[in-house]
Amino acid sequence: SFEFGDKLEEDGDEDKLAPKLEAIRDCAIVYVAAIGGSGAARVVAMKIHPIKVPQPESIAEILDKLQVVLKGTPPPWLRKALAKDGERTFDFEDDEVTQ
């Protein structure tokens, strides 16, 4: 769990993004309710795929939906996100993770 303080609204202060970006540096995807253009650009530059959700959902609900997608044939963008930096590959036919 991360605490970033009370001031999360957009105010043009790019420095407040630094601790948030550091917190997600190992992620392949990140779900967001809102993200500005500058924030999205910085997230994508870190090879993290932001996914904007239309309404707030619990983490459990989001994970359930993601697991359903992963059990099938994930879309190309998700395969690419999961193979971030070539660190991991997943054979969707054999269900094996290689590193």
N, C-alpha and C. Protein backbone atom coordinates (compact mmCIF):
# COMPACT_ATOMS: atom_id res chain seq x y z
N SER A 1 0.85 -1.18 0.00
CA SER A 1 0.00 0.00 0.00
C SER A 1 0.89 1.24 0.00
N PHE A 2 0.46 2.25 -0.73
CA PHE A 2 1.23 3.49 -0.84
C PHE A 2 0.40 4.67 -0.39
N GLU A 3 1.05 5.61 0.26
CA GLU A 3 0.42 6.87 0.67
C GLU A 3 1.11 8.00 -0.08
N PHE A 4 0.32 8.83 -0.79
CA PHE A 4 0.88 9.93 -1.54
C PHE A 4 0.42 11.28 -1.03
N GLY A 5 -0.29 11.32 0.06
CA GLY A 5 -0.78 12.59 0.58
C GLY A 5 -2.17 12.90 0.06
N ASP A 6 -2.70 14.04 0.47
CA ASP A 6 -4.07 14.40 0.14
C ASP A 6 -4.21 15.10 -1.21
N LYS A 7 -3.14 15.70 -1.72
CA LYS A 7 -3.24 16.50 -2.94
C LYS A 7 -2.93 15.66 -4.17
N LEU A 8 -3.93 14.95 -4.68
CA LEU A 8 -3.75 14.12 -5.86
C LEU A 8 -4.29 14.78 -7.12
N GLU A 9 -5.03 15.88 -6.98
CA GLU A 9 -5.62 16.50 -8.15
C GLU A 9 -4.55 17.14 -9.03
N GLU A 10 -4.89 17.28 -10.33
CA GLU A 10 -3.97 17.86 -11.30
C GLU A 10 -3.78 19.34 -10.99
N ASP A 11 -2.54 19.78 -10.87
CA ASP A 11 -2.28 21.19 -10.59
C ASP A 11 -1.07 21.71 -11.35
N GLY A 12 -0.54 20.91 -12.28
CA GLY A 12 0.61 21.34 -13.07
C GLY A 12 1.94 21.06 -12.41
N ASP A 13 1.96 20.54 -11.20
CA ASP A 13 3.20 20.24 -10.49
C ASP A 13 3.67 18.84 -10.90
N GLU A 14 4.61 18.80 -11.84
CA GLU A 14 5.10 17.52 -12.35
C GLU A 14 5.93 16.76 -11.32
N ASP A 15 6.54 17.46 -10.37
CA ASP A 15 7.39 16.80 -9.38
C ASP A 15 6.61 15.83 -8.50
N LYS A 16 5.32 16.06 -8.31
CA LYS A 16 4.56 15.15 -7.46
C LYS A 16 4.34 13.79 -8.14
N LEU A 17 4.62 13.70 -9.45
CA LEU A 17 4.50 12.42 -10.13
C LEU A 17 5.66 11.47 -9.81
N ALA A 18 6.81 12.01 -9.46
CA ALA A 18 8.01 11.19 -9.25
C ALA A 18 7.79 10.04 -8.27
N PRO A 19 7.24 10.27 -7.08
CA PRO A 19 7.06 9.13 -6.16
C PRO A 19 6.03 8.13 -6.66
N LYS A 20 5.04 8.59 -7.41
CA LYS A 20 4.04 7.68 -7.97
C LYS A 20 4.66 6.82 -9.06
N LEU A 21 5.47 7.44 -9.91
CA LEU A 21 6.15 6.68 -10.96
C LEU A 21 7.12 5.67 -10.37
N GLU A 22 7.79 6.04 -9.31
CA GLU A 22 8.71 5.12 -8.64
C GLU A 22 7.93 3.92 -8.08
N ALA A 23 6.74 4.17 -7.56
CA ALA A 23 5.93 3.10 -6.97
C ALA A 23 5.47 2.07 -8.00
N ILE A 24 5.32 2.47 -9.26
CA ILE A 24 4.82 1.54 -10.29
C ILE A 24 5.91 1.09 -11.25
N ARG A 25 7.16 1.38 -10.98
CA ARG A 25 8.25 1.12 -11.94
C ARG A 25 8.34 -0.34 -12.38
N ASP A 26 7.92 -1.29 -11.55
CA ASP A 26 8.01 -2.71 -11.90
C ASP A 26 6.72 -3.26 -12.53
N CYS A 27 5.75 -2.40 -12.75
CA CYS A 27 4.47 -2.83 -13.32
C CYS A 27 4.53 -2.92 -14.84
N ALA A 28 3.72 -3.79 -15.40
CA ALA A 28 3.56 -3.87 -16.85
C ALA A 28 2.34 -3.07 -17.28
N ILE A 29 1.30 -3.09 -16.44
CA ILE A 29 0.09 -2.32 -16.70
C ILE A 29 -0.34 -1.65 -15.41
N VAL A 30 -1.06 -0.54 -15.55
CA VAL A 30 -1.59 0.16 -14.39
C VAL A 30 -3.00 0.64 -14.73
N TYR A 31 -3.94 0.38 -13.85
CA TYR A 31 -5.32 0.83 -14.04
C TYR A 31 -5.48 2.18 -13.38
N VAL A 32 -6.12 3.12 -14.10
CA VAL A 32 -6.30 4.48 -13.59
C VAL A 32 -7.74 4.93 -13.80
N ALA A 33 -8.20 5.80 -12.90
CA ALA A 33 -9.50 6.45 -13.07
C ALA A 33 -9.33 7.68 -13.95
N ALA A 34 -8.18 8.34 -13.82
CA ALA A 34 -7.87 9.53 -14.61
C ALA A 34 -6.36 9.64 -14.73
N ILE A 35 -5.92 10.17 -15.87
CA ILE A 35 -4.49 10.40 -16.07
C ILE A 35 -4.34 11.52 -17.09
N GLY A 36 -3.50 12.47 -16.79
CA GLY A 36 -3.26 13.57 -17.70
C GLY A 36 -2.31 13.17 -18.81
N GLY A 37 -2.20 14.01 -19.81
CA GLY A 37 -1.34 13.73 -20.95
C GLY A 37 0.12 13.57 -20.56
N SER A 38 0.61 14.45 -19.72
CA SER A 38 2.01 14.39 -19.28
C SER A 38 2.26 13.13 -18.46
N GLY A 39 1.34 12.82 -17.56
CA GLY A 39 1.48 11.62 -16.74
C GLY A 39 1.44 10.36 -17.59
N ALA A 40 0.52 10.33 -18.56
CA ALA A 40 0.42 9.17 -19.45
C ALA A 40 1.70 8.99 -20.26
N ALA A 41 2.25 10.09 -20.75
CA ALA A 41 3.49 10.03 -21.53
C ALA A 41 4.64 9.48 -20.69
N ARG A 42 4.71 9.90 -19.45
CA ARG A 42 5.79 9.42 -18.57
C ARG A 42 5.61 7.95 -18.22
N VAL A 43 4.36 7.52 -18.03
CA VAL A 43 4.08 6.12 -17.73
C VAL A 43 4.45 5.25 -18.93
N VAL A 44 4.02 5.66 -20.12
CA VAL A 44 4.32 4.91 -21.34
C VAL A 44 5.83 4.86 -21.60
N ALA A 45 6.53 5.96 -21.31
CA ALA A 45 7.99 6.00 -21.48
C ALA A 45 8.68 4.96 -20.60
N MET A 46 8.03 4.58 -19.50
CA MET A 46 8.57 3.56 -18.60
C MET A 46 8.16 2.15 -19.05
N LYS A 47 7.53 2.07 -20.23
CA LYS A 47 7.03 0.81 -20.79
C LYS A 47 5.96 0.18 -19.90
N ILE A 48 5.10 1.04 -19.36
CA ILE A 48 3.96 0.62 -18.56
C ILE A 48 2.72 1.04 -19.34
N HIS A 49 1.76 0.14 -19.48
CA HIS A 49 0.55 0.42 -20.25
C HIS A 49 -0.55 0.90 -19.30
N PRO A 50 -0.97 2.18 -19.40
CA PRO A 50 -2.06 2.66 -18.56
C PRO A 50 -3.41 2.23 -19.14
N ILE A 51 -4.29 1.77 -18.29
CA ILE A 51 -5.65 1.39 -18.70
C ILE A 51 -6.62 2.23 -17.89
N LYS A 52 -7.38 3.06 -18.59
CA LYS A 52 -8.35 3.92 -17.91
C LYS A 52 -9.66 3.16 -17.76
N VAL A 53 -10.16 3.12 -16.54
CA VAL A 53 -11.44 2.45 -16.27
C VAL A 53 -12.54 3.51 -16.23
N PRO A 54 -13.72 3.20 -16.79
CA PRO A 54 -14.79 4.19 -16.86
C PRO A 54 -15.40 4.54 -15.50
N GLN A 55 -15.33 3.61 -14.57
CA GLN A 55 -15.86 3.86 -13.23
C GLN A 55 -15.01 3.09 -12.22
N PRO A 56 -14.97 3.55 -11.00
CA PRO A 56 -14.15 2.85 -9.99
C PRO A 56 -14.60 1.40 -9.81
N GLU A 57 -13.63 0.51 -9.69
CA GLU A 57 -13.87 -0.90 -9.43
C GLU A 57 -12.89 -1.36 -8.37
N SER A 58 -13.27 -2.40 -7.67
CA SER A 58 -12.35 -2.94 -6.66
C SER A 58 -11.19 -3.64 -7.37
N ILE A 59 -10.08 -3.73 -6.69
CA ILE A 59 -8.92 -4.42 -7.24
C ILE A 59 -9.29 -5.88 -7.54
N ALA A 60 -10.06 -6.49 -6.67
CA ALA A 60 -10.47 -7.89 -6.88
C ALA A 60 -11.26 -8.04 -8.18
N GLU A 61 -12.16 -7.10 -8.47
CA GLU A 61 -12.95 -7.16 -9.71
C GLU A 61 -12.05 -7.01 -10.93
N ILE A 62 -11.12 -6.08 -10.86
CA ILE A 62 -10.20 -5.85 -11.98
C ILE A 62 -9.33 -7.09 -12.20
N LEU A 63 -8.83 -7.67 -11.12
CA LEU A 63 -7.99 -8.87 -11.25
C LEU A 63 -8.78 -10.05 -11.82
N ASP A 64 -10.04 -10.19 -11.41
CA ASP A 64 -10.88 -11.26 -11.95
C ASP A 64 -11.03 -11.12 -13.46
N LYS A 65 -11.30 -9.90 -13.92
CA LYS A 65 -11.45 -9.65 -15.35
C LYS A 65 -10.14 -9.90 -16.09
N LEU A 66 -9.03 -9.47 -15.51
CA LEU A 66 -7.72 -9.68 -16.14
C LEU A 66 -7.40 -11.17 -16.24
N GLN A 67 -7.72 -11.93 -15.21
CA GLN A 67 -7.45 -13.37 -15.23
C GLN A 67 -8.25 -14.06 -16.32
N VAL A 68 -9.49 -13.63 -16.55
CA VAL A 68 -10.30 -14.21 -17.62
C VAL A 68 -9.63 -13.96 -18.97
N VAL A 69 -9.15 -12.74 -19.17
CA VAL A 69 -8.47 -12.40 -20.43
C VAL A 69 -7.20 -13.23 -20.58
N LEU A 70 -6.43 -13.37 -19.51
CA LEU A 70 -5.17 -14.11 -19.57
C LEU A 70 -5.37 -15.60 -19.81
N LYS A 71 -6.51 -16.15 -19.38
CA LYS A 71 -6.78 -17.56 -19.59
C LYS A 71 -7.14 -17.85 -21.04
N GLY A 72 -7.57 -16.82 -21.76
CA GLY A 72 -7.88 -16.97 -23.18
C GLY A 72 -6.66 -16.59 -24.00
N THR A 73 -6.91 -15.85 -25.06
CA THR A 73 -5.83 -15.34 -25.90
C THR A 73 -5.80 -13.84 -25.72
N PRO A 74 -4.86 -13.34 -24.93
CA PRO A 74 -4.79 -11.90 -24.67
C PRO A 74 -4.53 -11.11 -25.95
N PRO A 75 -5.04 -9.88 -26.02
CA PRO A 75 -4.78 -9.05 -27.20
C PRO A 75 -3.29 -8.73 -27.32
N PRO A 76 -2.85 -8.40 -28.53
CA PRO A 76 -1.41 -8.14 -28.74
C PRO A 76 -0.82 -7.09 -27.81
N TRP A 77 -1.55 -6.01 -27.50
CA TRP A 77 -1.00 -4.97 -26.62
C TRP A 77 -0.71 -5.54 -25.24
N LEU A 78 -1.55 -6.48 -24.77
CA LEU A 78 -1.34 -7.06 -23.45
C LEU A 78 -0.16 -8.02 -23.46
N ARG A 79 -0.03 -8.79 -24.53
CA ARG A 79 1.14 -9.68 -24.65
C ARG A 79 2.42 -8.86 -24.61
N LYS A 80 2.42 -7.75 -25.34
CA LYS A 80 3.60 -6.89 -25.38
C LYS A 80 3.89 -6.30 -23.99
N ALA A 81 2.84 -5.85 -23.31
CA ALA A 81 3.01 -5.27 -21.97
C ALA A 81 3.56 -6.31 -20.99
N LEU A 82 3.10 -7.53 -21.10
CA LEU A 82 3.55 -8.58 -20.18
C LEU A 82 4.98 -9.03 -20.47
N ALA A 83 5.44 -8.81 -21.69
CA ALA A 83 6.81 -9.17 -22.06
C ALA A 83 7.72 -7.96 -21.92
N LYS A 84 7.38 -7.05 -21.05
CA LYS A 84 8.10 -5.80 -20.80
C LYS A 84 9.61 -6.03 -20.74
N ASP A 85 10.32 -5.29 -21.57
CA ASP A 85 11.79 -5.33 -21.61
C ASP A 85 12.33 -6.73 -21.90
N GLY A 86 11.52 -7.62 -22.41
CA GLY A 86 12.01 -8.96 -22.70
C GLY A 86 12.34 -9.76 -21.46
N GLU A 87 11.93 -9.26 -20.28
CA GLU A 87 12.24 -9.94 -19.03
C GLU A 87 11.52 -11.28 -18.92
N ARG A 88 10.28 -11.32 -19.39
CA ARG A 88 9.48 -12.54 -19.26
C ARG A 88 8.76 -12.80 -20.57
N THR A 89 8.58 -14.04 -20.88
CA THR A 89 7.73 -14.39 -22.00
C THR A 89 6.75 -15.42 -21.49
N PHE A 90 5.59 -15.45 -22.08
CA PHE A 90 4.56 -16.38 -21.66
C PHE A 90 4.06 -17.10 -22.89
N ASP A 91 4.16 -18.40 -22.91
CA ASP A 91 3.66 -19.19 -24.02
C ASP A 91 2.19 -19.47 -23.75
N PHE A 92 1.32 -18.80 -24.48
CA PHE A 92 -0.11 -18.90 -24.22
C PHE A 92 -0.68 -20.24 -24.63
N GLU A 93 0.07 -21.02 -25.38
CA GLU A 93 -0.37 -22.36 -25.75
C GLU A 93 -0.01 -23.37 -24.66
N ASP A 94 1.20 -23.22 -24.07
CA ASP A 94 1.69 -24.19 -23.09
C ASP A 94 1.51 -23.77 -21.64
N ASP A 95 1.07 -22.53 -21.40
CA ASP A 95 0.92 -22.00 -20.05
C ASP A 95 2.23 -22.04 -19.27
N GLU A 96 3.34 -21.75 -19.92
CA GLU A 96 4.63 -21.73 -19.24
C GLU A 96 5.22 -20.33 -19.28
N VAL A 97 5.76 -19.92 -18.14
CA VAL A 97 6.46 -18.64 -18.06
C VAL A 97 7.95 -18.93 -18.12
N THR A 98 8.67 -18.21 -18.99
CA THR A 98 10.11 -18.35 -19.05
C THR A 98 10.75 -17.03 -18.73
N GLN A 99 11.94 -17.08 -18.15
CA GLN A 99 12.66 -15.85 -17.80
C GLN A 99 14.05 -15.87 -18.38
